[in-house]
Amino acid sequence: MGAAGKRAVFMHGIAPGRIERQAGHSNFKAVFEDPPAAPQTRGSVSHPMESGTDVRGGWRNRSQGT
């Protein structure tokens, strides 16, 4: 456990309600805050991508025993 974790445990022993509110608020912001928008692309539904359409990595060969 790092210094921040030890500090949180210590502070939770002193003021558990306040620490839980702060942790809940920061976790809510981290999970539900709007992320930055992805860059606009032509997409792949109407206009298929020129790259990334092949199967690679060798997994087919291993599953077929070759």
PDB file of N, CA and C in Angstrom:
ATOM      1  N   MET A   1       0.851  -1.164   0.000  1.00  0.00           N
ATOM      2  CA  MET A   1       0.000   0.000   0.000  1.00  0.00           C
ATOM      3  C   MET A   1       0.897   1.227   0.000  1.00  0.00           C
ATOM      4  N   GLY A   2       0.570   2.161  -0.857  1.00  0.00           N
ATOM      5  CA  GLY A   2       1.350   3.384  -0.955  1.00  0.00           C
ATOM      6  C   GLY A   2       0.961   4.413   0.091  1.00  0.00           C
ATOM      7  N   ALA A   3       1.626   5.554   0.013  1.00  0.00           N
ATOM      8  CA  ALA A   3       1.394   6.619   0.987  1.00  0.00           C
ATOM      9  C   ALA A   3      -0.050   7.132   0.920  1.00  0.00           C
ATOM     10  N   ALA A   4      -0.590   7.264  -0.275  1.00  0.00           N
ATOM     11  CA  ALA A   4      -1.964   7.763  -0.408  1.00  0.00           C
ATOM     12  C   ALA A   4      -2.953   6.785   0.224  1.00  0.00           C
ATOM     13  N   GLY A   5      -2.739   5.497   0.046  1.00  0.00           N
ATOM     14  CA  GLY A   5      -3.614   4.500   0.645  1.00  0.00           C
ATOM     15  C   GLY A   5      -3.533   4.507   2.163  1.00  0.00           C
ATOM     16  N   LYS A   6      -2.315   4.623   2.688  1.00  0.00           N
ATOM     17  CA  LYS A   6      -2.145   4.680   4.146  1.00  0.00           C
ATOM     18  C   LYS A   6      -2.794   5.929   4.715  1.00  0.00           C
ATOM     19  N   ARG A   7      -2.656   7.042   4.009  1.00  0.00           N
ATOM     20  CA  ARG A   7      -3.269   8.288   4.452  1.00  0.00           C
ATOM     21  C   ARG A   7      -4.793   8.164   4.438  1.00  0.00           C
ATOM     22  N   ALA A   8      -5.343   7.526   3.415  1.00  0.00           N
ATOM     23  CA  ALA A   8      -6.791   7.355   3.337  1.00  0.00           C
ATOM     24  C   ALA A   8      -7.305   6.479   4.466  1.00  0.00           C
ATOM     25  N   VAL A   9      -6.582   5.406   4.779  1.00  0.00           N
ATOM     26  CA  VAL A   9      -6.989   4.534   5.886  1.00  0.00           C
ATOM     27  C   VAL A   9      -6.946   5.301   7.201  1.00  0.00           C
ATOM     28  N   PHE A  10      -5.894   6.068   7.411  1.00  0.00           N
ATOM     29  CA  PHE A  10      -5.766   6.867   8.627  1.00  0.00           C
ATOM     30  C   PHE A  10      -6.899   7.878   8.735  1.00  0.00           C
ATOM     31  N   MET A  11      -7.156   8.612   7.651  1.00  0.00           N
ATOM     32  CA  MET A  11      -8.206   9.623   7.670  1.00  0.00           C
ATOM     33  C   MET A  11      -9.591   8.999   7.815  1.00  0.00           C
ATOM     34  N   HIS A  12      -9.775   7.813   7.268  1.00  0.00           N
ATOM     35  CA  HIS A  12     -11.067   7.132   7.414  1.00  0.00           C
ATOM     36  C   HIS A  12     -11.317   6.786   8.877  1.00  0.00           C
ATOM     37  N   GLY A  13     -10.264   6.480   9.603  1.00  0.00           N
ATOM     38  CA  GLY A  13     -10.416   6.219  11.037  1.00  0.00           C
ATOM     39  C   GLY A  13     -10.822   7.461  11.808  1.00  0.00           C
ATOM     40  N   ILE A  14     -10.390   8.627  11.349  1.00  0.00           N
ATOM     41  CA  ILE A  14     -10.700   9.885  12.028  1.00  0.00           C
ATOM     42  C   ILE A  14     -12.059  10.434  11.597  1.00  0.00           C
ATOM     43  N   ALA A  15     -12.307  10.487  10.294  1.00  0.00           N
ATOM     44  CA  ALA A  15     -13.535  11.085   9.765  1.00  0.00           C
ATOM     45  C   ALA A  15     -14.083  10.226   8.636  1.00  0.00           C
ATOM     46  N   PRO A  16     -14.687   9.088   8.960  1.00  0.00           N
ATOM     47  CA  PRO A  16     -15.120   8.164   7.898  1.00  0.00           C
ATOM     48  C   PRO A  16     -16.161   8.751   6.944  1.00  0.00           C
ATOM     49  N   GLY A  17     -17.103   9.505   7.443  1.00  0.00           N
ATOM     50  CA  GLY A  17     -18.137  10.064   6.571  1.00  0.00           C
ATOM     51  C   GLY A  17     -17.560  11.013   5.538  1.00  0.00           C
ATOM     52  N   ARG A  18     -16.669  11.869   5.973  1.00  0.00           N
ATOM     53  CA  ARG A  18     -16.066  12.844   5.047  1.00  0.00           C
ATOM     54  C   ARG A  18     -15.235  12.146   3.981  1.00  0.00           C
ATOM     55  N   ILE A  19     -14.433  11.163   4.386  1.00  0.00           N
ATOM     56  CA  ILE A  19     -13.586  10.437   3.431  1.00  0.00           C
ATOM     57  C   ILE A  19     -14.444   9.673   2.429  1.00  0.00           C
ATOM     58  N   GLU A  20     -15.522   9.062   2.895  1.00  0.00           N
ATOM     59  CA  GLU A  20     -16.393   8.321   1.981  1.00  0.00           C
ATOM     60  C   GLU A  20     -17.077   9.260   0.990  1.00  0.00           C
ATOM     61  N   ARG A  21     -17.478  10.445   1.433  1.00  0.00           N
ATOM     62  CA  ARG A  21     -18.072  11.426   0.506  1.00  0.00           C
ATOM     63  C   ARG A  21     -17.054  11.868  -0.535  1.00  0.00           C
ATOM     64  N   GLN A  22     -15.830  12.164  -0.076  1.00  0.00           N
ATOM     65  CA  GLN A  22     -14.800  12.611  -1.012  1.00  0.00           C
ATOM     66  C   GLN A  22     -14.458  11.512  -2.015  1.00  0.00           C
ATOM     67  N   ALA A  23     -14.312  10.277  -1.533  1.00  0.00           N
ATOM     68  CA  ALA A  23     -13.988   9.166  -2.424  1.00  0.00           C
ATOM     69  C   ALA A  23     -15.130   8.922  -3.406  1.00  0.00           C
ATOM     70  N   GLY A  24     -16.361   9.003  -2.918  1.00  0.00           N
ATOM     71  CA  GLY A  24     -17.513   8.813  -3.792  1.00  0.00           C
ATOM     72  C   GLY A  24     -17.587   9.880  -4.866  1.00  0.00           C
ATOM     73  N   HIS A  25     -17.317  11.106  -4.484  1.00  0.00           N
ATOM     74  CA  HIS A  25     -17.356  12.211  -5.456  1.00  0.00           C
ATOM     75  C   HIS A  25     -16.271  12.047  -6.519  1.00  0.00           C
ATOM     76  N   SER A  26     -15.050  11.752  -6.087  1.00  0.00           N
ATOM     77  CA  SER A  26     -13.966  11.619  -7.066  1.00  0.00           C
ATOM     78  C   SER A  26     -14.163  10.390  -7.946  1.00  0.00           C
ATOM     79  N   ASN A  27     -14.685   9.300  -7.385  1.00  0.00           N
ATOM     80  CA  ASN A  27     -14.955   8.115  -8.204  1.00  0.00           C
ATOM     81  C   ASN A  27     -16.069   8.379  -9.204  1.00  0.00           C
ATOM     82  N   PHE A  28     -17.099   9.116  -8.776  1.00  0.00           N
ATOM     83  CA  PHE A  28     -18.191   9.447  -9.685  1.00  0.00           C
ATOM     84  C   PHE A  28     -17.675  10.270 -10.860  1.00  0.00           C
ATOM     85  N   LYS A  29     -16.839  11.273 -10.565  1.00  0.00           N
ATOM     86  CA  LYS A  29     -16.279  12.100 -11.633  1.00  0.00           C
ATOM     87  C   LYS A  29     -15.423  11.270 -12.585  1.00  0.00           C
ATOM     88  N   ALA A  30     -14.632  10.343 -12.034  1.00  0.00           N
ATOM     89  CA  ALA A  30     -13.742   9.536 -12.868  1.00  0.00           C
ATOM     90  C   ALA A  30     -14.516   8.587 -13.770  1.00  0.00           C
ATOM     91  N   VAL A  31     -15.657   8.082 -13.292  1.00  0.00           N
ATOM     92  CA  VAL A  31     -16.408   7.085 -14.058  1.00  0.00           C
ATOM     93  C   VAL A  31     -17.434   7.727 -14.984  1.00  0.00           C
ATOM     94  N   PHE A  32     -18.149   8.736 -14.499  1.00  0.00           N
ATOM     95  CA  PHE A  32     -19.294   9.247 -15.248  1.00  0.00           C
ATOM     96  C   PHE A  32     -19.062  10.582 -15.946  1.00  0.00           C
ATOM     97  N   GLU A  33     -17.915  11.198 -15.749  1.00  0.00           N
ATOM     98  CA  GLU A  33     -17.657  12.457 -16.426  1.00  0.00           C
ATOM     99  C   GLU A  33     -17.513  12.201 -17.925  1.00  0.00           C
ATOM    100  N   ASP A  34     -18.013  13.120 -18.727  1.00  0.00           N
ATOM    101  CA  ASP A  34     -17.962  12.944 -20.178  1.00  0.00           C
ATOM    102  C   ASP A  34     -16.512  12.907 -20.662  1.00  0.00           C
ATOM    103  N   PRO A  35     -16.131  11.856 -21.361  1.00  0.00           N
ATOM    104  CA  PRO A  35     -14.776  11.801 -21.918  1.00  0.00           C
ATOM    105  C   PRO A  35     -14.672  12.718 -23.128  1.00  0.00           C
ATOM    106  N   PRO A  36     -13.460  13.035 -23.541  1.00  0.00           N
ATOM    107  CA  PRO A  36     -13.324  13.852 -24.751  1.00  0.00           C
ATOM    108  C   PRO A  36     -13.847  13.092 -25.967  1.00  0.00           C
ATOM    109  N   ALA A  37     -14.394  13.821 -26.907  1.00  0.00           N
ATOM    110  CA  ALA A  37     -14.955  13.193 -28.103  1.00  0.00           C
ATOM    111  C   ALA A  37     -13.857  12.567 -28.956  1.00  0.00           C
ATOM    112  N   ALA A  38     -14.196  11.455 -29.570  1.00  0.00           N
ATOM    113  CA  ALA A  38     -13.262  10.789 -30.481  1.00  0.00           C
ATOM    114  C   ALA A  38     -13.176  11.595 -31.769  1.00  0.00           C
ATOM    115  N   PRO A  39     -12.042  11.510 -32.457  1.00  0.00           N
ATOM    116  CA  PRO A  39     -11.930  12.257 -33.710  1.00  0.00           C
ATOM    117  C   PRO A  39     -12.895  11.706 -34.758  1.00  0.00           C
ATOM    118  N   GLN A  40     -13.360  12.580 -35.627  1.00  0.00           N
ATOM    119  CA  GLN A  40     -14.277  12.191 -36.694  1.00  0.00           C
ATOM    120  C   GLN A  40     -13.532  11.377 -37.756  1.00  0.00           C
ATOM    121  N   THR A  41     -14.149  10.286 -38.188  1.00  0.00           N
ATOM    122  CA  THR A  41     -13.608   9.465 -39.262  1.00  0.00           C
ATOM    123  C   THR A  41     -14.713   9.197 -40.275  1.00  0.00           C
ATOM    124  N   ARG A  42     -14.344   8.599 -41.378  1.00  0.00           N
ATOM    125  CA  ARG A  42     -15.349   8.232 -42.379  1.00  0.00           C
ATOM    126  C   ARG A  42     -16.188   7.065 -41.895  1.00  0.00           C
ATOM    127  N   GLY A  43     -15.690   6.327 -40.940  1.00  0.00           N
ATOM    128  CA  GLY A  43     -16.437   5.205 -40.409  1.00  0.00           C
ATOM    129  C   GLY A  43     -16.247   3.944 -41.217  1.00  0.00           C
ATOM    130  N   SER A  44     -16.898   2.880 -40.771  1.00  0.00           N
ATOM    131  CA  SER A  44     -16.742   1.614 -41.478  1.00  0.00           C
ATOM    132  C   SER A  44     -18.080   1.013 -41.889  1.00  0.00           C
ATOM    133  N   VAL A  45     -19.172   1.682 -41.613  1.00  0.00           N
ATOM    134  CA  VAL A  45     -20.473   1.147 -42.009  1.00  0.00           C
ATOM    135  C   VAL A  45     -20.766   1.502 -43.462  1.00  0.00           C
ATOM    136  N   SER A  46     -20.693   2.775 -43.770  1.00  0.00           N
ATOM    137  CA  SER A  46     -20.968   3.208 -45.143  1.00  0.00           C
ATOM    138  C   SER A  46     -19.742   3.118 -46.031  1.00  0.00           C
ATOM    139  N   HIS A  47     -18.575   3.352 -45.453  1.00  0.00           N
ATOM    140  CA  HIS A  47     -17.326   3.358 -46.208  1.00  0.00           C
ATOM    141  C   HIS A  47     -16.334   2.451 -45.489  1.00  0.00           C
ATOM    142  N   PRO A  48     -16.134   1.221 -45.945  1.00  0.00           N
ATOM    143  CA  PRO A  48     -15.218   0.312 -45.262  1.00  0.00           C
ATOM    144  C   PRO A  48     -13.814   0.889 -45.118  1.00  0.00           C
ATOM    145  N   MET A  49     -13.164   0.536 -44.039  1.00  0.00           N
ATOM    146  CA  MET A  49     -11.811   0.998 -43.778  1.00  0.00           C
ATOM    147  C   MET A  49     -10.855   0.346 -44.775  1.00  0.00           C
ATOM    148  N   GLU A  50      -9.801   1.064 -45.129  1.00  0.00           N
ATOM    149  CA  GLU A  50      -8.822   0.528 -46.063  1.00  0.00           C
ATOM    150  C   GLU A  50      -7.833  -0.404 -45.364  1.00  0.00           C
ATOM    151  N   SER A  51      -7.654  -0.230 -44.081  1.00  0.00           N
ATOM    152  CA  SER A  51      -6.710  -1.086 -43.354  1.00  0.00           C
ATOM    153  C   SER A  51      -7.430  -1.749 -42.186  1.00  0.00           C
ATOM    154  N   GLY A  52      -6.812  -2.795 -41.664  1.00  0.00           N
ATOM    155  CA  GLY A  52      -7.385  -3.481 -40.518  1.00  0.00           C
ATOM    156  C   GLY A  52      -8.488  -4.455 -40.857  1.00  0.00           C
ATOM    157  N   THR A  53      -8.523  -4.930 -42.101  1.00  0.00           N
ATOM    158  CA  THR A  53      -9.579  -5.853 -42.509  1.00  0.00           C
ATOM    159  C   THR A  53      -9.102  -7.294 -42.591  1.00  0.00           C
ATOM    160  N   ASP A  54      -7.798  -7.525 -42.375  1.00  0.00           N
ATOM    161  CA  ASP A  54      -7.277  -8.881 -42.483  1.00  0.00           C
ATOM    162  C   ASP A  54      -7.206  -9.537 -41.101  1.00  0.00           C
ATOM    163  N   VAL A  55      -7.087 -10.864 -41.115  1.00  0.00           N
ATOM    164  CA  VAL A  55      -6.953 -11.631 -39.886  1.00  0.00           C
ATOM    165  C   VAL A  55      -5.489 -11.993 -39.740  1.00  0.00           C
ATOM    166  N   ARG A  56      -4.911 -11.596 -38.600  1.00  0.00           N
ATOM    167  CA  ARG A  56      -3.499 -11.876 -38.374  1.00  0.00           C
ATOM    168  C   ARG A  56      -3.300 -12.395 -36.959  1.00  0.00           C
ATOM    169  N   GLY A  57      -2.112 -12.876 -36.689  1.00  0.00           N
ATOM    170  CA  GLY A  57      -1.772 -13.283 -35.342  1.00  0.00           C
ATOM    171  C   GLY A  57      -1.524 -14.767 -35.208  1.00  0.00           C
ATOM    172  N   GLY A  58      -1.911 -15.562 -36.184  1.00  0.00           N
ATOM    173  CA  GLY A  58      -1.615 -16.985 -36.155  1.00  0.00           C
ATOM    174  C   GLY A  58      -2.611 -17.833 -35.384  1.00  0.00           C
ATOM    175  N   TRP A  59      -3.663 -17.246 -34.855  1.00  0.00           N
ATOM    176  CA  TRP A  59      -4.590 -18.053 -34.060  1.00  0.00           C
ATOM    177  C   TRP A  59      -5.328 -19.067 -34.905  1.00  0.00           C
ATOM    178  N   ARG A  60      -5.582 -18.784 -36.163  1.00  0.00           N
ATOM    179  CA  ARG A  60      -6.273 -19.754 -37.012  1.00  0.00           C
ATOM    180  C   ARG A  60      -5.362 -20.977 -37.251  1.00  0.00           C
ATOM    181  N   ASN A  61      -4.091 -20.737 -37.491  1.00  0.00           N
ATOM    182  CA  ASN A  61      -3.179 -21.848 -37.743  1.00  0.00           C
ATOM    183  C   ASN A  61      -3.071 -22.772 -36.531  1.00  0.00           C
ATOM    184  N   ARG A  62      -2.979 -22.204 -35.342  1.00  0.00           N
ATOM    185  CA  ARG A  62      -2.860 -23.032 -34.142  1.00  0.00           C
ATOM    186  C   ARG A  62      -4.127 -23.860 -33.918  1.00  0.00           C
ATOM    187  N   SER A  63      -5.291 -23.284 -34.138  1.00  0.00           N
ATOM    188  CA  SER A  63      -6.538 -24.026 -33.886  1.00  0.00           C
ATOM    189  C   SER A  63      -6.751 -25.130 -34.919  1.00  0.00           C
ATOM    190  N   GLN A  64      -6.161 -24.992 -36.099  1.00  0.00           N
ATOM    191  CA  GLN A  64      -6.287 -26.013 -37.130  1.00  0.00           C
ATOM    192  C   GLN A  64      -5.175 -27.049 -37.037  1.00  0.00           C
ATOM    193  N   GLY A  65      -4.251 -26.843 -36.103  1.00  0.00           N
ATOM    194  CA  GLY A  65      -3.184 -27.819 -35.928  1.00  0.00           C
ATOM    195  C   GLY A  65      -2.050 -27.695 -36.913  1.00  0.00           C
ATOM    196  N   THR A  66      -1.946 -26.569 -37.627  1.00  0.00           N
ATOM    197  CA  THR A  66      -0.849 -26.409 -38.588  1.00  0.00           C
ATOM    198  C   THR A  66       0.136 -25.388 -38.099  1.00  0.00           C
TER     199      THR A  66
END
